[in-house]
Amino acid sequence: MALNDNATLVIGSGNYFTAPTGTTLPNDLLSIGAPWQPVGHTSLEDVFGVTSEGGEATTLGSLQNKSLRTKYSARQETLTFTVVQFDEDSLRLFYGQNAPTLPSGLIGVPQDPAPTQAAFLAVFIDGANYFAFYAPKSEIFRNDDLSISDTESLAGLPLGVKPMALGTNTWTYAVTPLGGTPASGATAGAPGTFTPSGSATPANLAAMADVDASPTTAWTSGQYVILGDASNAYWNGTAWAAGIKS
C-alpha cells in the first residue's frame, strides 16, 4: 500500500438521501436530484457511524492441524446517524413507515412498526474530495431510544440504516475510494506515468487489467511503471507483466 495524501478524509459537510429501492447511484455526487430526496438536518456531533453484529470466528481443525481454517458467520452492518428534524418524514423514519396520521394531525406510534425500505446515500465533502456510502436497498428505523438530555443542543432522532443485498448482488453497500480517479492508461518510461494526470496509481499487478498501455507494442528495455505496492510492471505486447522490461 502506497502513501496517498489525497486519500485522507476530514469531513467538512455532508448530506443524507433516500430514494425508491433500486435507485442507481447518481452520476454526479455533488449535484444530486430526483428521485433522491435529502433526509434533512442531521447532528453535527454524531455525524456518522458503522456498527456490526455477527462475524464470529470459528476455528476448524483436523487431527493433524488443530487450527486448519477459520470460518466467519454472516455479518450485519448498520449505518448510523441522527436526524435533528421532527417533521412527519423524520418521525416515520424513526417510528416506522406505517405510523398513521391521526385526525388531529398527530403522528401515531404503531404497535408493530415497519422499517422504511429505501435506497440510501450519504455524501461527505472534504474540500475537493467527496466520500459516499451507497446502498441500493436498505431498511431504515430507530437505532436507539429517544433521549433529550439538555436545553443547550438540538434534540435528535437516532436512526440506523441496515443495507441489504438487492437482487443477485453479492454486496449490500458500497463506498467511494479516495485518492483520485483510477488510472485508465500507462505510458512507457523509466519509470513511466499513468494517465489521466492526477489519477490513482493501480494498487498491484492485478489492478492493471483495465489499464491501456501506450504504446500498445512491447515496451523496450528498461521501461516500466511503479505500482501502488511498490512493485513494477511493463507491457510485453499482449499483457502486463511483473518487473522491468529486460
C-alpha atoms as a PDB file:
ATOM      1  CA  MET A   1       0.000   0.000   0.000  1.00  0.00           C
ATOM      2  CA  ALA A   2       1.432   3.357  -1.078  1.00  0.00           C
ATOM      3  CA  LEU A   3       1.255   6.660   0.779  1.00  0.00           C
ATOM      4  CA  ASN A   4      -1.526   8.793  -0.704  1.00  0.00           C
ATOM      5  CA  ASP A   5      -2.053  12.194   0.899  1.00  0.00           C
ATOM      6  CA  ASN A   6      -5.185  12.711  -1.227  1.00  0.00           C
ATOM      7  CA  ALA A   7      -6.854   9.665   0.317  1.00  0.00           C
ATOM      8  CA  THR A   8      -7.217  11.173   3.804  1.00  0.00           C
ATOM      9  CA  LEU A   9     -10.609  12.422   4.985  1.00  0.00           C
ATOM     10  CA  VAL A  10     -11.698  15.335   7.156  1.00  0.00           C
ATOM     11  CA  ILE A  11     -15.440  15.896   6.848  1.00  0.00           C
ATOM     12  CA  GLY A  12     -16.463  19.491   6.281  1.00  0.00           C
ATOM     13  CA  SER A  13     -20.104  18.937   5.375  1.00  0.00           C
ATOM     14  CA  GLY A  14     -22.426  16.199   4.236  1.00  0.00           C
ATOM     15  CA  ASN A  15     -25.927  15.135   3.289  1.00  0.00           C
ATOM     16  CA  TYR A  16     -28.064  12.011   3.535  1.00  0.00           C
ATOM     17  CA  PHE A  17     -30.582  10.936   0.893  1.00  0.00           C
ATOM     18  CA  THR A  18     -33.240   8.306   0.321  1.00  0.00           C
ATOM     19  CA  ALA A  19     -34.859   7.111  -2.902  1.00  0.00           C
ATOM     20  CA  PRO A  20     -37.033   4.209  -4.063  1.00  0.00           C
ATOM     21  CA  THR A  21     -35.355   0.837  -3.616  1.00  0.00           C
ATOM     22  CA  GLY A  22     -33.090   0.012  -6.539  1.00  0.00           C
ATOM     23  CA  THR A  23     -32.334   3.612  -7.496  1.00  0.00           C
ATOM     24  CA  THR A  24     -28.898   3.779  -9.090  1.00  0.00           C
ATOM     25  CA  LEU A  25     -26.042   5.901  -7.795  1.00  0.00           C
ATOM     26  CA  PRO A  26     -26.136   9.456  -9.224  1.00  0.00           C
ATOM     27  CA  ASN A  27     -23.515  10.254 -11.859  1.00  0.00           C
ATOM     28  CA  ASP A  28     -22.604  13.478 -10.062  1.00  0.00           C
ATOM     29  CA  LEU A  29     -22.417  13.112  -6.289  1.00  0.00           C
ATOM     30  CA  LEU A  30     -22.024  16.873  -5.885  1.00  0.00           C
ATOM     31  CA  SER A  31     -25.322  17.626  -7.632  1.00  0.00           C
ATOM     32  CA  ILE A  32     -27.953  15.102  -6.565  1.00  0.00           C
ATOM     33  CA  GLY A  33     -31.513  15.438  -7.824  1.00  0.00           C
ATOM     34  CA  ALA A  34     -34.742  13.440  -8.049  1.00  0.00           C
ATOM     35  CA  PRO A  35     -35.649  10.756  -7.253  1.00  0.00           C
ATOM     36  CA  TRP A  36     -33.155  11.198  -4.411  1.00  0.00           C
ATOM     37  CA  GLN A  37     -34.565  13.254  -1.544  1.00  0.00           C
ATOM     38  CA  PRO A  38     -32.495  14.743   1.303  1.00  0.00           C
ATOM     39  CA  VAL A  39     -33.263  13.448   4.791  1.00  0.00           C
ATOM     40  CA  GLY A  40     -32.848  16.956   6.239  1.00  0.00           C
ATOM     41  CA  HIS A  41     -30.817  18.447   9.064  1.00  0.00           C
ATOM     42  CA  THR A  42     -28.619  15.980  10.936  1.00  0.00           C
ATOM     43  CA  SER A  43     -26.436  16.123  14.018  1.00  0.00           C
ATOM     44  CA  LEU A  44     -23.140  17.984  13.939  1.00  0.00           C
ATOM     45  CA  GLU A  45     -21.806  15.911  16.850  1.00  0.00           C
ATOM     46  CA  ASP A  46     -22.955  12.409  15.877  1.00  0.00           C
ATOM     47  CA  VAL A  47     -22.074  12.638  12.203  1.00  0.00           C
ATOM     48  CA  PHE A  48     -21.983   9.006  11.121  1.00  0.00           C
ATOM     49  CA  GLY A  49     -21.086   5.540  12.326  1.00  0.00           C
ATOM     50  CA  VAL A  50     -20.907   1.922  11.218  1.00  0.00           C
ATOM     51  CA  THR A  51     -21.742  -0.796  13.722  1.00  0.00           C
ATOM     52  CA  SER A  52     -21.914  -4.526  13.121  1.00  0.00           C
ATOM     53  CA  GLU A  53     -23.312  -7.739  14.530  1.00  0.00           C
ATOM     54  CA  GLY A  54     -22.193 -11.265  13.803  1.00  0.00           C
ATOM     55  CA  GLY A  55     -18.922 -12.111  12.125  1.00  0.00           C
ATOM     56  CA  GLU A  56     -17.920 -14.533  14.880  1.00  0.00           C
ATOM     57  CA  ALA A  57     -14.908 -16.673  14.038  1.00  0.00           C
ATOM     58  CA  THR A  58     -14.973 -20.462  14.346  1.00  0.00           C
ATOM     59  CA  THR A  59     -11.692 -22.324  14.106  1.00  0.00           C
ATOM     60  CA  LEU A  60     -11.865 -25.585  12.152  1.00  0.00           C
ATOM     61  CA  GLY A  61      -9.154 -28.169  12.582  1.00  0.00           C
ATOM     62  CA  SER A  62      -8.062 -31.597  11.574  1.00  0.00           C
ATOM     63  CA  LEU A  63      -6.368 -34.323  13.570  1.00  0.00           C
ATOM     64  CA  GLN A  64      -3.058 -33.141  12.114  1.00  0.00           C
ATOM     65  CA  ASN A  65      -3.672 -29.377  12.386  1.00  0.00           C
ATOM     66  CA  LYS A  66      -5.947 -28.094  15.150  1.00  0.00           C
ATOM     67  CA  SER A  67      -6.132 -24.627  13.506  1.00  0.00           C
ATOM     68  CA  LEU A  68      -6.515 -25.525   9.854  1.00  0.00           C
ATOM     69  CA  ARG A  69      -9.094 -22.951   8.769  1.00  0.00           C
ATOM     70  CA  THR A  70     -11.225 -20.155  10.160  1.00  0.00           C
ATOM     71  CA  LYS A  71     -14.888 -19.725   9.262  1.00  0.00           C
ATOM     72  CA  TYR A  72     -16.805 -16.496   9.911  1.00  0.00           C
ATOM     73  CA  SER A  73     -20.542 -16.164  10.431  1.00  0.00           C
ATOM     74  CA  ALA A  74     -22.562 -13.656   8.411  1.00  0.00           C
ATOM     75  CA  ARG A  75     -22.139 -10.030   9.469  1.00  0.00           C
ATOM     76  CA  GLN A  76     -24.944  -7.443   9.501  1.00  0.00           C
ATOM     77  CA  GLU A  77     -23.768  -3.859   9.454  1.00  0.00           C
ATOM     78  CA  THR A  78     -25.763  -0.770  10.415  1.00  0.00           C
ATOM     79  CA  LEU A  79     -25.009   2.768   9.237  1.00  0.00           C
ATOM     80  CA  THR A  80     -25.955   5.255  11.944  1.00  0.00           C
ATOM     81  CA  PHE A  81     -26.672   8.974  12.074  1.00  0.00           C
ATOM     82  CA  THR A  82     -29.008  11.318  13.932  1.00  0.00           C
ATOM     83  CA  VAL A  83     -31.632  13.483  12.249  1.00  0.00           C
ATOM     84  CA  VAL A  84     -32.490  16.698  14.105  1.00  0.00           C
ATOM     85  CA  GLN A  85     -35.783  17.437  12.351  1.00  0.00           C
ATOM     86  CA  PHE A  86     -39.058  16.320  13.922  1.00  0.00           C
ATOM     87  CA  ASP A  87     -41.269  16.643  10.828  1.00  0.00           C
ATOM     88  CA  GLU A  88     -43.546  13.860   9.552  1.00  0.00           C
ATOM     89  CA  ASP A  89     -40.949  12.271   7.286  1.00  0.00           C
ATOM     90  CA  SER A  90     -38.307  12.154  10.032  1.00  0.00           C
ATOM     91  CA  LEU A  91     -40.766  10.809  12.608  1.00  0.00           C
ATOM     92  CA  ARG A  92     -41.771   7.994  10.248  1.00  0.00           C
ATOM     93  CA  LEU A  93     -38.128   7.068   9.708  1.00  0.00           C
ATOM     94  CA  PHE A  94     -37.821   6.778  13.495  1.00  0.00           C
ATOM     95  CA  TYR A  95     -41.206   5.275  14.450  1.00  0.00           C
ATOM     96  CA  GLY A  96     -41.918   3.266  11.294  1.00  0.00           C
ATOM     97  CA  GLN A  97     -43.222   3.939   7.817  1.00  0.00           C
ATOM     98  CA  ASN A  98     -46.662   2.682   8.908  1.00  0.00           C
ATOM     99  CA  ALA A  99     -47.035   5.407  11.574  1.00  0.00           C
ATOM    100  CA  PRO A 100     -50.510   6.845  10.838  1.00  0.00           C
ATOM    101  CA  THR A 101     -51.524  10.482  10.652  1.00  0.00           C
ATOM    102  CA  LEU A 102     -54.385  10.880  13.135  1.00  0.00           C
ATOM    103  CA  PRO A 103     -57.436  13.127  12.567  1.00  0.00           C
ATOM    104  CA  SER A 104     -55.870  15.605  14.987  1.00  0.00           C
ATOM    105  CA  GLY A 105     -52.776  15.845  12.776  1.00  0.00           C
ATOM    106  CA  LEU A 106     -50.594  13.957  15.238  1.00  0.00           C
ATOM    107  CA  ILE A 107     -48.405  11.049  14.171  1.00  0.00           C
ATOM    108  CA  GLY A 108     -49.463   7.808  15.828  1.00  0.00           C
ATOM    109  CA  VAL A 109     -46.822   5.400  17.100  1.00  0.00           C
ATOM    110  CA  PRO A 110     -47.646   1.931  15.697  1.00  0.00           C
ATOM    111  CA  GLN A 111     -47.645  -1.159  17.903  1.00  0.00           C
ATOM    112  CA  ASP A 112     -45.945  -3.157  15.154  1.00  0.00           C
ATOM    113  CA  PRO A 113     -43.658  -0.664  13.403  1.00  0.00           C
ATOM    114  CA  ALA A 114     -42.395  -1.353   9.884  1.00  0.00           C
ATOM    115  CA  PRO A 115     -38.969  -0.049   8.880  1.00  0.00           C
ATOM    116  CA  THR A 116     -38.771   2.251   5.868  1.00  0.00           C
ATOM    117  CA  GLN A 117     -37.424   0.399   2.842  1.00  0.00           C
ATOM    118  CA  ALA A 118     -35.432   2.620   0.520  1.00  0.00           C
ATOM    119  CA  ALA A 119     -32.169   3.151  -1.286  1.00  0.00           C
ATOM    120  CA  PHE A 120     -29.777   5.165   0.878  1.00  0.00           C
ATOM    121  CA  LEU A 121     -26.950   7.545   0.070  1.00  0.00           C
ATOM    122  CA  ALA A 122     -24.628   9.533   2.340  1.00  0.00           C
ATOM    123  CA  VAL A 123     -22.165  12.001   0.800  1.00  0.00           C
ATOM    124  CA  PHE A 124     -19.428  13.711   2.832  1.00  0.00           C
ATOM    125  CA  ILE A 125     -17.457  16.649   1.444  1.00  0.00           C
ATOM    126  CA  ASP A 126     -13.783  17.315   2.203  1.00  0.00           C
ATOM    127  CA  GLY A 127     -12.654  20.269   0.106  1.00  0.00           C
ATOM    128  CA  ALA A 128     -12.414  18.981  -3.455  1.00  0.00           C
ATOM    129  CA  ASN A 129     -12.846  15.382  -2.283  1.00  0.00           C
ATOM    130  CA  TYR A 130     -16.064  13.565  -1.531  1.00  0.00           C
ATOM    131  CA  PHE A 131     -16.720  10.247   0.162  1.00  0.00           C
ATOM    132  CA  ALA A 132     -20.005   8.378  -0.158  1.00  0.00           C
ATOM    133  CA  PHE A 133     -21.871   5.374   1.222  1.00  0.00           C
ATOM    134  CA  TYR A 134     -24.455   3.885  -1.176  1.00  0.00           C
ATOM    135  CA  ALA A 135     -26.974   1.115  -0.503  1.00  0.00           C
ATOM    136  CA  PRO A 136     -29.439   0.306  -3.325  1.00  0.00           C
ATOM    137  CA  LYS A 137     -31.676  -1.425  -0.766  1.00  0.00           C
ATOM    138  CA  SER A 138     -31.918  -0.825   2.958  1.00  0.00           C
ATOM    139  CA  GLU A 139     -34.205  -0.732   5.968  1.00  0.00           C
ATOM    140  CA  ILE A 140     -34.241   2.490   7.998  1.00  0.00           C
ATOM    141  CA  PHE A 141     -35.510   2.554  11.571  1.00  0.00           C
ATOM    142  CA  ARG A 142     -34.647   3.874  15.014  1.00  0.00           C
ATOM    143  CA  ASN A 143     -31.202   2.908  16.196  1.00  0.00           C
ATOM    144  CA  ASP A 144     -31.539   3.949  19.841  1.00  0.00           C
ATOM    145  CA  ASP A 145     -34.097   5.317  22.281  1.00  0.00           C
ATOM    146  CA  LEU A 146     -35.017   8.980  22.060  1.00  0.00           C
ATOM    147  CA  SER A 147     -33.292  10.960  24.797  1.00  0.00           C
ATOM    148  CA  ILE A 148     -33.337  14.739  25.261  1.00  0.00           C
ATOM    149  CA  SER A 149     -30.705  15.444  27.889  1.00  0.00           C
ATOM    150  CA  ASP A 150     -30.278  19.235  27.901  1.00  0.00           C
ATOM    151  CA  THR A 151     -31.624  22.579  26.685  1.00  0.00           C
ATOM    152  CA  GLU A 152     -28.390  23.671  25.002  1.00  0.00           C
ATOM    153  CA  SER A 153     -28.268  21.453  21.916  1.00  0.00           C
ATOM    154  CA  LEU A 154     -30.580  20.253  19.149  1.00  0.00           C
ATOM    155  CA  ALA A 155     -32.669  17.207  20.035  1.00  0.00           C
ATOM    156  CA  GLY A 156     -32.262  14.310  17.650  1.00  0.00           C
ATOM    157  CA  LEU A 157     -33.758  11.068  16.398  1.00  0.00           C
ATOM    158  CA  PRO A 158     -31.043   8.367  16.179  1.00  0.00           C
ATOM    159  CA  LEU A 159     -31.506   6.329  13.014  1.00  0.00           C
ATOM    160  CA  GLY A 160     -29.990   3.091  11.782  1.00  0.00           C
ATOM    161  CA  VAL A 161     -29.716   2.054   8.138  1.00  0.00           C
ATOM    162  CA  LYS A 162     -29.360  -1.678   7.528  1.00  0.00           C
ATOM    163  CA  PRO A 163     -28.050  -2.265   3.978  1.00  0.00           C
ATOM    164  CA  MET A 164     -29.470  -5.336   2.254  1.00  0.00           C
ATOM    165  CA  ALA A 165     -28.463  -7.225  -0.879  1.00  0.00           C
ATOM    166  CA  LEU A 166     -30.524  -6.223  -3.924  1.00  0.00           C
ATOM    167  CA  GLY A 167     -31.396  -8.984  -6.360  1.00  0.00           C
ATOM    168  CA  THR A 168     -28.335 -11.032  -7.261  1.00  0.00           C
ATOM    169  CA  ASN A 169     -25.853  -8.529  -5.781  1.00  0.00           C
ATOM    170  CA  THR A 170     -23.164 -10.136  -3.649  1.00  0.00           C
ATOM    171  CA  TRP A 171     -22.698  -6.838  -1.758  1.00  0.00           C
ATOM    172  CA  THR A 172     -25.028  -4.796   0.450  1.00  0.00           C
ATOM    173  CA  TYR A 173     -23.480  -1.338   0.223  1.00  0.00           C
ATOM    174  CA  ALA A 174     -20.583   0.389  -1.498  1.00  0.00           C
ATOM    175  CA  VAL A 175     -18.157   3.203  -0.697  1.00  0.00           C
ATOM    176  CA  THR A 176     -16.189   5.560  -2.938  1.00  0.00           C
ATOM    177  CA  PRO A 177     -12.390   5.243  -2.650  1.00  0.00           C
ATOM    178  CA  LEU A 178     -10.404   8.427  -2.207  1.00  0.00           C
ATOM    179  CA  GLY A 179      -7.136   9.310  -3.875  1.00  0.00           C
ATOM    180  CA  GLY A 180      -8.146  10.271  -7.384  1.00  0.00           C
ATOM    181  CA  THR A 181      -9.741   8.812 -10.489  1.00  0.00           C
ATOM    182  CA  PRO A 182      -8.466   5.299 -11.247  1.00  0.00           C
ATOM    183  CA  ALA A 183      -5.763   5.302 -13.905  1.00  0.00           C
ATOM    184  CA  SER A 184      -7.005   4.277 -17.347  1.00  0.00           C
ATOM    185  CA  GLY A 185      -3.674   4.337 -19.172  1.00  0.00           C
ATOM    186  CA  ALA A 186       0.067   3.851 -18.634  1.00  0.00           C
ATOM    187  CA  THR A 187       2.776   5.439 -20.778  1.00  0.00           C
ATOM    188  CA  ALA A 188       6.147   3.727 -21.118  1.00  0.00           C
ATOM    189  CA  GLY A 189       9.145   5.304 -19.388  1.00  0.00           C
ATOM    190  CA  ALA A 190      11.858   4.714 -16.824  1.00  0.00           C
ATOM    191  CA  PRO A 191       9.694   4.950 -14.874  1.00  0.00           C
ATOM    192  CA  GLY A 192       6.572   5.553 -16.936  1.00  0.00           C
ATOM    193  CA  THR A 193       3.483   7.539 -15.971  1.00  0.00           C
ATOM    194  CA  PHE A 194      -0.197   6.876 -15.502  1.00  0.00           C
ATOM    195  CA  THR A 195      -2.983   8.786 -17.237  1.00  0.00           C
ATOM    196  CA  PRO A 196      -5.031  10.873 -16.864  1.00  0.00           C
ATOM    197  CA  SER A 197      -2.835  13.261 -14.895  1.00  0.00           C
ATOM    198  CA  GLY A 198      -3.528  13.009 -11.151  1.00  0.00           C
ATOM    199  CA  SER A 199      -5.207   9.609 -11.419  1.00  0.00           C
ATOM    200  CA  ALA A 200      -4.797   6.974  -8.723  1.00  0.00           C
ATOM    201  CA  THR A 201      -1.932   4.510  -9.134  1.00  0.00           C
ATOM    202  CA  PRO A 202      -3.127   0.891  -9.570  1.00  0.00           C
ATOM    203  CA  ALA A 203      -2.598  -0.991  -6.320  1.00  0.00           C
ATOM    204  CA  ASN A 204      -0.890  -4.057  -7.791  1.00  0.00           C
ATOM    205  CA  LEU A 205      -0.390  -6.093 -10.959  1.00  0.00           C
ATOM    206  CA  ALA A 206      -3.945  -7.466 -10.845  1.00  0.00           C
ATOM    207  CA  ALA A 207      -5.286  -3.903 -10.830  1.00  0.00           C
ATOM    208  CA  MET A 208      -3.561  -3.266 -14.191  1.00  0.00           C
ATOM    209  CA  ALA A 209      -6.131  -5.395 -16.024  1.00  0.00           C
ATOM    210  CA  ASP A 210      -8.205  -2.364 -17.074  1.00  0.00           C
ATOM    211  CA  VAL A 211      -5.236  -0.084 -17.854  1.00  0.00           C
ATOM    212  CA  ASP A 212      -4.361   0.573 -21.514  1.00  0.00           C
ATOM    213  CA  ALA A 213      -0.678   0.557 -22.477  1.00  0.00           C
ATOM    214  CA  SER A 214       0.982   3.296 -24.541  1.00  0.00           C
ATOM    215  CA  PRO A 215       2.498   2.278 -26.866  1.00  0.00           C
ATOM    216  CA  THR A 216       0.499  -0.891 -27.434  1.00  0.00           C
ATOM    217  CA  THR A 217       3.573  -2.646 -28.833  1.00  0.00           C
ATOM    218  CA  ALA A 218       6.009  -4.301 -26.455  1.00  0.00           C
ATOM    219  CA  TRP A 219       7.856  -1.799 -24.280  1.00  0.00           C
ATOM    220  CA  THR A 220      11.601  -1.572 -24.728  1.00  0.00           C
ATOM    221  CA  SER A 221      14.410  -2.476 -22.354  1.00  0.00           C
ATOM    222  CA  GLY A 222      14.390  -0.605 -19.050  1.00  0.00           C
ATOM    223  CA  GLN A 223      10.800   0.655 -19.314  1.00  0.00           C
ATOM    224  CA  TYR A 224       8.266   0.116 -16.523  1.00  0.00           C
ATOM    225  CA  VAL A 225       5.718   1.757 -14.221  1.00  0.00           C
ATOM    226  CA  ILE A 226       5.687   1.727 -10.421  1.00  0.00           C
ATOM    227  CA  LEU A 227       2.560   0.261  -8.792  1.00  0.00           C
ATOM    228  CA  GLY A 228       0.896   1.127  -5.514  1.00  0.00           C
ATOM    229  CA  ASP A 229       2.538  -1.788  -3.673  1.00  0.00           C
ATOM    230  CA  ALA A 230       5.973  -0.505  -4.832  1.00  0.00           C
ATOM    231  CA  SER A 231       6.364  -3.327  -7.363  1.00  0.00           C
ATOM    232  CA  ASN A 232       6.996  -2.726 -11.075  1.00  0.00           C
ATOM    233  CA  ALA A 233       5.143  -3.701 -14.241  1.00  0.00           C
ATOM    234  CA  TYR A 234       5.661  -3.417 -18.008  1.00  0.00           C
ATOM    235  CA  TRP A 235       3.696  -4.170 -21.162  1.00  0.00           C
ATOM    236  CA  ASN A 236       5.004  -7.182 -23.113  1.00  0.00           C
ATOM    237  CA  GLY A 237       2.860  -6.533 -26.158  1.00  0.00           C
ATOM    238  CA  THR A 238      -0.087  -8.676 -25.121  1.00  0.00           C
ATOM    239  CA  ALA A 239      -0.368  -8.369 -21.325  1.00  0.00           C
ATOM    240  CA  TRP A 240       1.021  -6.669 -18.229  1.00  0.00           C
ATOM    241  CA  ALA A 241       3.973  -8.465 -16.659  1.00  0.00           C
ATOM    242  CA  ALA A 242       5.749  -8.012 -13.343  1.00  0.00           C
ATOM    243  CA  GLY A 243       9.136  -6.330 -13.197  1.00  0.00           C
ATOM    244  CA  ILE A 244      11.166  -4.085 -15.530  1.00  0.00           C
ATOM    245  CA  LYS A 245      11.409  -4.880 -19.246  1.00  0.00           C
ATOM    246  CA  SER A 246      14.755  -6.537 -19.828  1.00  0.00           C
END
